[in-house]
Amino acid sequence: PPRTSRSATRSNSAAVTRSPSVSPTASTASN
């Protein structure tokens, strides 16, 4: 992907699997 942050891609993909017991982070929910 052009100009894509691979770390952002990984954090976005992981975001949907996070446990409801874990607080959201700016890197996942704000992006």
PDB file of all heavy atoms in Angstrom:
ATOM      1  N   PRO A   1       0.813  -1.200   0.000  1.00  0.00           N
ATOM      2  CA  PRO A   1       0.000   0.000   0.000  1.00  0.00           C
ATOM      3  C   PRO A   1       0.855   1.261   0.000  1.00  0.00           C
ATOM      4  O   PRO A   1       1.796   1.360   0.774  1.00  0.00           O
ATOM      5  CB  PRO A   1      -0.828  -0.102   1.286  1.00  0.00           C
ATOM      6  CG  PRO A   1      -0.153  -1.116   2.115  1.00  0.00           C
ATOM      7  CD  PRO A   1       0.624  -2.006   1.216  1.00  0.00           C
ATOM      8  N   PRO A   2       0.565   2.235  -0.873  1.00  0.00           N
ATOM      9  CA  PRO A   2       1.352   3.450  -0.929  1.00  0.00           C
ATOM     10  C   PRO A   2       1.235   4.277   0.345  1.00  0.00           C
ATOM     11  O   PRO A   2       0.155   4.466   0.875  1.00  0.00           O
ATOM     12  CB  PRO A   2       0.753   4.214  -2.126  1.00  0.00           C
ATOM     13  CG  PRO A   2      -0.641   3.682  -2.247  1.00  0.00           C
ATOM     14  CD  PRO A   2      -0.554   2.249  -1.824  1.00  0.00           C
ATOM     15  N   ARG A   3       2.373   4.693   0.869  1.00  0.00           N
ATOM     16  CA  ARG A   3       2.434   5.579   2.044  1.00  0.00           C
ATOM     17  C   ARG A   3       1.638   5.027   3.225  1.00  0.00           C
ATOM     18  O   ARG A   3       0.979   5.757   3.939  1.00  0.00           O
ATOM     19  CB  ARG A   3       1.953   6.988   1.684  1.00  0.00           C
ATOM     20  CG  ARG A   3       2.886   7.707   0.751  1.00  0.00           C
ATOM     21  CD  ARG A   3       2.339   9.078   0.394  1.00  0.00           C
ATOM     22  NE  ARG A   3       1.183   8.950  -0.481  1.00  0.00           N
ATOM     23  CZ  ARG A   3       0.200   9.827  -0.516  1.00  0.00           C
ATOM     24  NH1 ARG A   3       0.194  10.863   0.287  1.00  0.00           N
ATOM     25  NH2 ARG A   3      -0.807   9.662  -1.356  1.00  0.00           N
ATOM     26  N   THR A   4       1.689   3.735   3.404  1.00  0.00           N
ATOM     27  CA  THR A   4       0.951   3.108   4.502  1.00  0.00           C
ATOM     28  C   THR A   4       1.877   2.789   5.659  1.00  0.00           C
ATOM     29  O   THR A   4       2.980   2.289   5.449  1.00  0.00           O
ATOM     30  CB  THR A   4       0.289   1.795   4.025  1.00  0.00           C
ATOM     31  OG1 THR A   4      -0.604   2.096   2.977  1.00  0.00           O
ATOM     32  CG2 THR A   4      -0.461   1.113   5.154  1.00  0.00           C
ATOM     33  N   SER A   5       1.438   3.068   6.865  1.00  0.00           N
ATOM     34  CA  SER A   5       2.178   2.673   8.054  1.00  0.00           C
ATOM     35  C   SER A   5       1.812   1.241   8.397  1.00  0.00           C
ATOM     36  O   SER A   5       0.673   0.940   8.723  1.00  0.00           O
ATOM     37  CB  SER A   5       1.821   3.586   9.234  1.00  0.00           C
ATOM     38  OG  SER A   5       2.260   3.017  10.438  1.00  0.00           O
ATOM     39  N   ARG A   6       2.782   0.334   8.285  1.00  0.00           N
ATOM     40  CA  ARG A   6       2.474  -1.066   8.570  1.00  0.00           C
ATOM     41  C   ARG A   6       2.134  -1.264  10.047  1.00  0.00           C
ATOM     42  O   ARG A   6       1.313  -2.100  10.392  1.00  0.00           O
ATOM     43  CB  ARG A   6       3.652  -1.958   8.168  1.00  0.00           C
ATOM     44  CG  ARG A   6       3.864  -1.986   6.664  1.00  0.00           C
ATOM     45  CD  ARG A   6       4.915  -3.016   6.277  1.00  0.00           C
ATOM     46  NE  ARG A   6       5.122  -3.007   4.838  1.00  0.00           N
ATOM     47  CZ  ARG A   6       4.362  -3.640   3.962  1.00  0.00           C
ATOM     48  NH1 ARG A   6       3.307  -4.290   4.384  1.00  0.00           N
ATOM     49  NH2 ARG A   6       4.628  -3.603   2.673  1.00  0.00           N
ATOM     50  N   SER A   7       2.770  -0.472  10.922  1.00  0.00           N
ATOM     51  CA  SER A   7       2.443  -0.602  12.345  1.00  0.00           C
ATOM     52  C   SER A   7       1.017  -0.163  12.599  1.00  0.00           C
ATOM     53  O   SER A   7       0.298  -0.741  13.408  1.00  0.00           O
ATOM     54  CB  SER A   7       3.403   0.234  13.185  1.00  0.00           C
ATOM     55  OG  SER A   7       3.310   1.604  12.854  1.00  0.00           O
ATOM     56  N   ALA A   8       0.559   0.873  11.859  1.00  0.00           N
ATOM     57  CA  ALA A   8      -0.831   1.318  12.023  1.00  0.00           C
ATOM     58  C   ALA A   8      -1.775   0.260  11.516  1.00  0.00           C
ATOM     59  O   ALA A   8      -2.833   0.008  12.094  1.00  0.00           O
ATOM     60  CB  ALA A   8      -1.050   2.633  11.266  1.00  0.00           C
ATOM     61  N   THR A   9      -1.398  -0.400  10.406  1.00  0.00           N
ATOM     62  CA  THR A   9      -2.232  -1.459   9.858  1.00  0.00           C
ATOM     63  C   THR A   9      -2.399  -2.587  10.861  1.00  0.00           C
ATOM     64  O   THR A   9      -3.478  -3.102  11.079  1.00  0.00           O
ATOM     65  CB  THR A   9      -1.607  -2.007   8.558  1.00  0.00           C
ATOM     66  OG1 THR A   9      -1.511  -0.946   7.613  1.00  0.00           O
ATOM     67  CG2 THR A   9      -2.467  -3.130   7.986  1.00  0.00           C
ATOM     68  N   ARG A  10      -1.278  -2.972  11.502  1.00  0.00           N
ATOM     69  CA  ARG A  10      -1.357  -4.057  12.482  1.00  0.00           C
ATOM     70  C   ARG A  10      -2.212  -3.659  13.674  1.00  0.00           C
ATOM     71  O   ARG A  10      -3.001  -4.458  14.167  1.00  0.00           O
ATOM     72  CB  ARG A  10       0.060  -4.432  12.938  1.00  0.00           C
ATOM     73  CG  ARG A  10       0.859  -5.197  11.900  1.00  0.00           C
ATOM     74  CD  ARG A  10       2.064  -5.861  12.546  1.00  0.00           C
ATOM     75  NE  ARG A  10       2.986  -4.861  13.066  1.00  0.00           N
ATOM     76  CZ  ARG A  10       3.981  -4.334  12.394  1.00  0.00           C
ATOM     77  NH1 ARG A  10       4.175  -4.685  11.135  1.00  0.00           N
ATOM     78  NH2 ARG A  10       4.788  -3.446  12.949  1.00  0.00           N
ATOM     79  N   SER A  11      -2.068  -2.405  14.148  1.00  0.00           N
ATOM     80  CA  SER A  11      -2.854  -1.996  15.310  1.00  0.00           C
ATOM     81  C   SER A  11      -4.325  -1.916  14.973  1.00  0.00           C
ATOM     82  O   SER A  11      -5.179  -2.252  15.780  1.00  0.00           O
ATOM     83  CB  SER A  11      -2.377  -0.632  15.830  1.00  0.00           C
ATOM     84  OG  SER A  11      -2.658   0.396  14.916  1.00  0.00           O
ATOM     85  N   ASN A  12      -4.654  -1.503  13.730  1.00  0.00           N
ATOM     86  CA  ASN A  12      -6.056  -1.452  13.327  1.00  0.00           C
ATOM     87  C   ASN A  12      -6.656  -2.845  13.256  1.00  0.00           C
ATOM     88  O   ASN A  12      -7.783  -3.092  13.657  1.00  0.00           O
ATOM     89  CB  ASN A  12      -6.185  -0.763  11.961  1.00  0.00           C
ATOM     90  CG  ASN A  12      -5.994   0.734  12.054  1.00  0.00           C
ATOM     91  OD1 ASN A  12      -6.229   1.327  13.094  1.00  0.00           O
ATOM     92  ND2 ASN A  12      -5.574   1.350  10.965  1.00  0.00           N
ATOM     93  N   SER A  13      -5.872  -3.795  12.712  1.00  0.00           N
ATOM     94  CA  SER A  13      -6.373  -5.156  12.585  1.00  0.00           C
ATOM     95  C   SER A  13      -6.569  -5.798  13.951  1.00  0.00           C
ATOM     96  O   SER A  13      -7.487  -6.583  14.150  1.00  0.00           O
ATOM     97  CB  SER A  13      -5.383  -5.999  11.756  1.00  0.00           C
ATOM     98  OG  SER A  13      -5.261  -5.482  10.453  1.00  0.00           O
ATOM     99  N   ALA A  14      -5.691  -5.448  14.886  1.00  0.00           N
ATOM    100  CA  ALA A  14      -5.784  -6.040  16.218  1.00  0.00           C
ATOM    101  C   ALA A  14      -6.888  -5.417  17.044  1.00  0.00           C
ATOM    102  O   ALA A  14      -7.378  -6.027  17.990  1.00  0.00           O
ATOM    103  CB  ALA A  14      -4.454  -5.878  16.955  1.00  0.00           C
ATOM    104  N   ALA A  15      -7.314  -4.224  16.665  1.00  0.00           N
ATOM    105  CA  ALA A  15      -8.242  -3.485  17.516  1.00  0.00           C
ATOM    106  C   ALA A  15      -9.537  -4.228  17.760  1.00  0.00           C
ATOM    107  O   ALA A  15     -10.097  -4.177  18.852  1.00  0.00           O
ATOM    108  CB  ALA A  15      -8.541  -2.116  16.911  1.00  0.00           C
ATOM    109  N   VAL A  16     -10.043  -4.936  16.737  1.00  0.00           N
ATOM    110  CA  VAL A  16     -11.345  -5.582  16.889  1.00  0.00           C
ATOM    111  C   VAL A  16     -11.300  -6.790  17.801  1.00  0.00           C
ATOM    112  O   VAL A  16     -12.338  -7.282  18.220  1.00  0.00           O
ATOM    113  CB  VAL A  16     -11.916  -6.015  15.518  1.00  0.00           C
ATOM    114  CG1 VAL A  16     -12.186  -4.810  14.651  1.00  0.00           C
ATOM    115  CG2 VAL A  16     -10.980  -6.982  14.819  1.00  0.00           C
ATOM    116  N   THR A  17     -10.089  -7.277  18.100  1.00  0.00           N
ATOM    117  CA  THR A  17     -10.000  -8.463  18.947  1.00  0.00           C
ATOM    118  C   THR A  17      -9.700  -8.106  20.393  1.00  0.00           C
ATOM    119  O   THR A  17      -9.626  -8.989  21.229  1.00  0.00           O
ATOM    120  CB  THR A  17      -8.903  -9.416  18.432  1.00  0.00           C
ATOM    121  OG1 THR A  17      -7.629  -8.758  18.541  1.00  0.00           O
ATOM    122  CG2 THR A  17      -9.157  -9.807  16.998  1.00  0.00           C
ATOM    123  N   ARG A  18      -9.564  -6.813  20.692  1.00  0.00           N
ATOM    124  CA  ARG A  18      -9.192  -6.450  22.045  1.00  0.00           C
ATOM    125  C   ARG A  18     -10.314  -6.800  23.012  1.00  0.00           C
ATOM    126  O   ARG A  18     -11.478  -6.710  22.688  1.00  0.00           O
ATOM    127  CB  ARG A  18      -8.847  -4.954  22.133  1.00  0.00           C
ATOM    128  CG  ARG A  18      -9.987  -4.041  21.794  1.00  0.00           C
ATOM    129  CD  ARG A  18      -9.486  -2.613  21.669  1.00  0.00           C
ATOM    130  NE  ARG A  18     -10.620  -1.728  21.394  1.00  0.00           N
ATOM    131  CZ  ARG A  18     -10.505  -0.460  21.135  1.00  0.00           C
ATOM    132  NH1 ARG A  18      -9.326   0.097  21.094  1.00  0.00           N
ATOM    133  NH2 ARG A  18     -11.569   0.275  20.904  1.00  0.00           N
ATOM    134  N   SER A  19      -9.931  -7.184  24.196  1.00  0.00           N
ATOM    135  CA  SER A  19     -10.903  -7.581  25.222  1.00  0.00           C
ATOM    136  C   SER A  19     -11.640  -6.379  25.766  1.00  0.00           C
ATOM    137  O   SER A  19     -11.063  -5.313  25.921  1.00  0.00           O
ATOM    138  CB  SER A  19     -10.162  -8.283  26.360  1.00  0.00           C
ATOM    139  OG  SER A  19     -10.995  -8.411  27.476  1.00  0.00           O
ATOM    140  N   PRO A  20     -12.937  -6.513  26.067  1.00  0.00           N
ATOM    141  CA  PRO A  20     -13.674  -5.413  26.688  1.00  0.00           C
ATOM    142  C   PRO A  20     -13.080  -4.980  28.021  1.00  0.00           C
ATOM    143  O   PRO A  20     -13.401  -3.913  28.523  1.00  0.00           O
ATOM    144  CB  PRO A  20     -15.084  -5.987  26.868  1.00  0.00           C
ATOM    145  CG  PRO A  20     -15.197  -7.060  25.849  1.00  0.00           C
ATOM    146  CD  PRO A  20     -13.810  -7.645  25.748  1.00  0.00           C
ATOM    147  N   SER A  21     -12.219  -5.791  28.600  1.00  0.00           N
ATOM    148  CA  SER A  21     -11.608  -5.425  29.870  1.00  0.00           C
ATOM    149  C   SER A  21     -10.399  -4.517  29.685  1.00  0.00           C
ATOM    150  O   SER A  21      -9.846  -3.999  30.649  1.00  0.00           O
ATOM    151  CB  SER A  21     -11.166  -6.682  30.623  1.00  0.00           C
ATOM    152  OG  SER A  21     -10.152  -7.362  29.912  1.00  0.00           O
ATOM    153  N   VAL A  22      -9.973  -4.315  28.426  1.00  0.00           N
ATOM    154  CA  VAL A  22      -8.804  -3.507  28.132  1.00  0.00           C
ATOM    155  C   VAL A  22      -9.242  -2.138  27.643  1.00  0.00           C
ATOM    156  O   VAL A  22     -10.080  -2.027  26.761  1.00  0.00           O
ATOM    157  CB  VAL A  22      -7.928  -4.182  27.045  1.00  0.00           C
ATOM    158  CG1 VAL A  22      -6.724  -3.307  26.731  1.00  0.00           C
ATOM    159  CG2 VAL A  22      -7.490  -5.558  27.512  1.00  0.00           C
ATOM    160  N   SER A  23      -8.669  -1.090  28.194  1.00  0.00           N
ATOM    161  CA  SER A  23      -9.050   0.254  27.784  1.00  0.00           C
ATOM    162  C   SER A  23      -8.563   0.516  26.368  1.00  0.00           C
ATOM    163  O   SER A  23      -7.494   0.064  25.978  1.00  0.00           O
ATOM    164  CB  SER A  23      -8.424   1.295  28.721  1.00  0.00           C
ATOM    165  OG  SER A  23      -8.923   1.127  30.027  1.00  0.00           O
ATOM    166  N   PRO A  24      -9.336   1.290  25.559  1.00  0.00           N
ATOM    167  CA  PRO A  24      -8.910   1.612  24.213  1.00  0.00           C
ATOM    168  C   PRO A  24      -7.722   2.552  24.251  1.00  0.00           C
ATOM    169  O   PRO A  24      -7.497   3.266  25.217  1.00  0.00           O
ATOM    170  CB  PRO A  24     -10.139   2.300  23.609  1.00  0.00           C
ATOM    171  CG  PRO A  24     -10.854   2.865  24.781  1.00  0.00           C
ATOM    172  CD  PRO A  24     -10.608   1.908  25.917  1.00  0.00           C
ATOM    173  N   THR A  25      -6.958   2.570  23.158  1.00  0.00           N
ATOM    174  CA  THR A  25      -5.813   3.469  23.065  1.00  0.00           C
ATOM    175  C   THR A  25      -5.984   4.387  21.892  1.00  0.00           C
ATOM    176  O   THR A  25      -6.701   4.102  20.943  1.00  0.00           O
ATOM    177  CB  THR A  25      -4.510   2.675  22.872  1.00  0.00           C
ATOM    178  OG1 THR A  25      -4.578   1.999  21.620  1.00  0.00           O
ATOM    179  CG2 THR A  25      -4.301   1.660  23.988  1.00  0.00           C
ATOM    180  N   ALA A  26      -5.287   5.487  21.910  1.00  0.00           N
ATOM    181  CA  ALA A  26      -5.402   6.462  20.828  1.00  0.00           C
ATOM    182  C   ALA A  26      -4.956   5.874  19.512  1.00  0.00           C
ATOM    183  O   ALA A  26      -5.464   6.225  18.457  1.00  0.00           O
ATOM    184  CB  ALA A  26      -4.568   7.701  21.167  1.00  0.00           C
ATOM    185  N   SER A  27      -3.991   4.954  19.518  1.00  0.00           N
ATOM    186  CA  SER A  27      -3.481   4.418  18.266  1.00  0.00           C
ATOM    187  C   SER A  27      -4.491   3.541  17.571  1.00  0.00           C
ATOM    188  O   SER A  27      -4.448   3.363  16.356  1.00  0.00           O
ATOM    189  CB  SER A  27      -2.204   3.620  18.526  1.00  0.00           C
ATOM    190  OG  SER A  27      -2.479   2.507  19.344  1.00  0.00           O
ATOM    191  N   THR A  28      -5.413   2.952  18.305  1.00  0.00           N
ATOM    192  CA  THR A  28      -6.392   2.095  17.655  1.00  0.00           C
ATOM    193  C   THR A  28      -7.679   2.813  17.354  1.00  0.00           C
ATOM    194  O   THR A  28      -8.194   2.746  16.239  1.00  0.00           O
ATOM    195  CB  THR A  28      -6.698   0.872  18.540  1.00  0.00           C
ATOM    196  OG1 THR A  28      -7.081   1.308  19.825  1.00  0.00           O
ATOM    197  CG2 THR A  28      -5.499  -0.047  18.638  1.00  0.00           C
ATOM    198  N   ALA A  29      -8.253   3.515  18.312  1.00  0.00           N
ATOM    199  CA  ALA A  29      -9.574   4.098  18.108  1.00  0.00           C
ATOM    200  C   ALA A  29      -9.553   5.427  17.409  1.00  0.00           C
ATOM    201  O   ALA A  29     -10.501   5.758  16.714  1.00  0.00           O
ATOM    202  CB  ALA A  29     -10.284   4.232  19.463  1.00  0.00           C
ATOM    203  N   SER A  30      -8.491   6.228  17.539  1.00  0.00           N
ATOM    204  CA  SER A  30      -8.492   7.519  16.883  1.00  0.00           C
ATOM    205  C   SER A  30      -8.033   7.416  15.442  1.00  0.00           C
ATOM    206  O   SER A  30      -8.142   8.360  14.686  1.00  0.00           O
ATOM    207  CB  SER A  30      -7.596   8.514  17.624  1.00  0.00           C
ATOM    208  OG  SER A  30      -6.257   8.076  17.622  1.00  0.00           O
ATOM    209  N   ASN A  31      -7.523   6.254  15.044  1.00  0.00           N
ATOM    210  CA  ASN A  31      -7.108   6.036  13.669  1.00  0.00           C
ATOM    211  C   ASN A  31      -7.798   4.806  13.101  1.00  0.00           C
ATOM    212  O   ASN A  31      -7.179   3.775  12.900  1.00  0.00           O
ATOM    213  CB  ASN A  31      -5.578   5.850  13.597  1.00  0.00           C
ATOM    214  CG  ASN A  31      -4.844   7.094  14.040  1.00  0.00           C
ATOM    215  OD1 ASN A  31      -4.938   8.131  13.423  1.00  0.00           O
ATOM    216  ND2 ASN A  31      -4.116   6.977  15.149  1.00  0.00           N
TER     217      ASN A  31
END
